[in-house]
Amino acid sequence: MWCRGEKKLLKDRAIQYADHVWMLAGGGYICGDHDYDGMREMEQKSTEVRAAFGLDPITR
């Protein structure tokens, strides 16, 4: 995963990013910041990052 096209993210940082995206997806949906489809797109991005490192997706 690349950050600003300049540097590679460390594995731990990429996983932390994925976890934050997952939390923001649900929180944003509850607050009305985005719709259900937007939440699912963000959750999918999180799942893809975690899968790139061989980790299971976050489950509810």
C-alpha atoms as a PDB file:
ATOM      1  CA  MET A   1       0.000   0.000   0.000  1.00  0.00           C
ATOM      2  CA  TRP A   2       1.387   3.390  -0.953  1.00  0.00           C
ATOM      3  CA  CYS A   3       1.071   6.664   0.891  1.00  0.00           C
ATOM      4  CA  ARG A   4       1.071   9.848  -1.192  1.00  0.00           C
ATOM      5  CA  GLY A   5       2.935   7.968  -3.920  1.00  0.00           C
ATOM      6  CA  GLU A   6       6.200   8.439  -2.051  1.00  0.00           C
ATOM      7  CA  LYS A   7       6.570   5.872   0.695  1.00  0.00           C
ATOM      8  CA  LYS A   8       5.319   2.444   1.577  1.00  0.00           C
ATOM      9  CA  LEU A   9       3.179   2.188   4.669  1.00  0.00           C
ATOM     10  CA  LEU A  10       4.376  -0.174   7.324  1.00  0.00           C
ATOM     11  CA  LYS A  11       2.207  -3.222   7.859  1.00  0.00           C
ATOM     12  CA  ASP A  12       1.125  -2.066  11.313  1.00  0.00           C
ATOM     13  CA  ARG A  13       0.128   1.365  10.001  1.00  0.00           C
ATOM     14  CA  ALA A  14      -1.832  -0.145   7.111  1.00  0.00           C
ATOM     15  CA  ILE A  15      -3.735  -2.417   9.493  1.00  0.00           C
ATOM     16  CA  GLN A  16      -4.383   0.510  11.834  1.00  0.00           C
ATOM     17  CA  TYR A  17      -5.712   2.493   8.856  1.00  0.00           C
ATOM     18  CA  ALA A  18      -7.993  -0.395   7.873  1.00  0.00           C
ATOM     19  CA  ASP A  19      -9.347  -0.660  11.410  1.00  0.00           C
ATOM     20  CA  HIS A  20     -10.037   3.087  11.534  1.00  0.00           C
ATOM     21  CA  VAL A  21     -11.836   2.961   8.188  1.00  0.00           C
ATOM     22  CA  TRP A  22     -13.999   0.123   9.519  1.00  0.00           C
ATOM     23  CA  MET A  23     -14.948   2.126  12.634  1.00  0.00           C
ATOM     24  CA  LEU A  24     -15.604   5.303  10.648  1.00  0.00           C
ATOM     25  CA  ALA A  25     -17.843   3.363   8.274  1.00  0.00           C
ATOM     26  CA  GLY A  26     -20.273   2.314  10.982  1.00  0.00           C
ATOM     27  CA  GLY A  27     -20.074   5.570  12.909  1.00  0.00           C
ATOM     28  CA  GLY A  28     -20.620   7.654   9.803  1.00  0.00           C
ATOM     29  CA  TYR A  29     -23.646   5.589   8.849  1.00  0.00           C
ATOM     30  CA  ILE A  30     -25.176   5.943  12.312  1.00  0.00           C
ATOM     31  CA  CYS A  31     -24.578   9.722  12.289  1.00  0.00           C
ATOM     32  CA  GLY A  32     -25.963  10.097   8.778  1.00  0.00           C
ATOM     33  CA  ASP A  33     -22.659  11.139   7.177  1.00  0.00           C
ATOM     34  CA  HIS A  34     -23.116   8.500   4.479  1.00  0.00           C
ATOM     35  CA  ASP A  35     -25.657   5.932   3.391  1.00  0.00           C
ATOM     36  CA  TYR A  36     -25.665   2.152   3.747  1.00  0.00           C
ATOM     37  CA  ASP A  37     -23.855   1.616   0.441  1.00  0.00           C
ATOM     38  CA  GLY A  38     -21.155   4.072   1.486  1.00  0.00           C
ATOM     39  CA  MET A  39     -20.695   2.172   4.729  1.00  0.00           C
ATOM     40  CA  ARG A  40     -20.348  -1.111   2.867  1.00  0.00           C
ATOM     41  CA  GLU A  41     -17.776   0.393   0.465  1.00  0.00           C
ATOM     42  CA  MET A  42     -15.654   1.564   3.385  1.00  0.00           C
ATOM     43  CA  GLU A  43     -15.947  -1.824   5.088  1.00  0.00           C
ATOM     44  CA  GLN A  44     -14.857  -3.493   1.838  1.00  0.00           C
ATOM     45  CA  LYS A  45     -11.758  -1.270   1.635  1.00  0.00           C
ATOM     46  CA  SER A  46     -10.891  -2.247   5.186  1.00  0.00           C
ATOM     47  CA  THR A  47     -11.374  -5.920   4.396  1.00  0.00           C
ATOM     48  CA  GLU A  48      -9.142  -5.676   1.309  1.00  0.00           C
ATOM     49  CA  VAL A  49      -6.296  -4.092   3.269  1.00  0.00           C
ATOM     50  CA  ARG A  50      -6.529  -6.719   6.007  1.00  0.00           C
ATOM     51  CA  ALA A  51      -6.696  -9.516   3.415  1.00  0.00           C
ATOM     52  CA  ALA A  52      -3.516  -8.209   1.765  1.00  0.00           C
ATOM     53  CA  PHE A  53      -1.712  -9.123   4.994  1.00  0.00           C
ATOM     54  CA  GLY A  54      -3.497 -12.444   5.427  1.00  0.00           C
ATOM     55  CA  LEU A  55      -5.767 -11.221   8.215  1.00  0.00           C
ATOM     56  CA  ASP A  56      -9.409 -12.066   8.673  1.00  0.00           C
ATOM     57  CA  PRO A  57     -11.937  -9.277   8.147  1.00  0.00           C
ATOM     58  CA  ILE A  58     -13.379  -7.535  11.169  1.00  0.00           C
ATOM     59  CA  THR A  59     -16.771  -8.967  12.045  1.00  0.00           C
ATOM     60  CA  ARG A  60     -19.607  -7.445  13.970  1.00  0.00           C
END
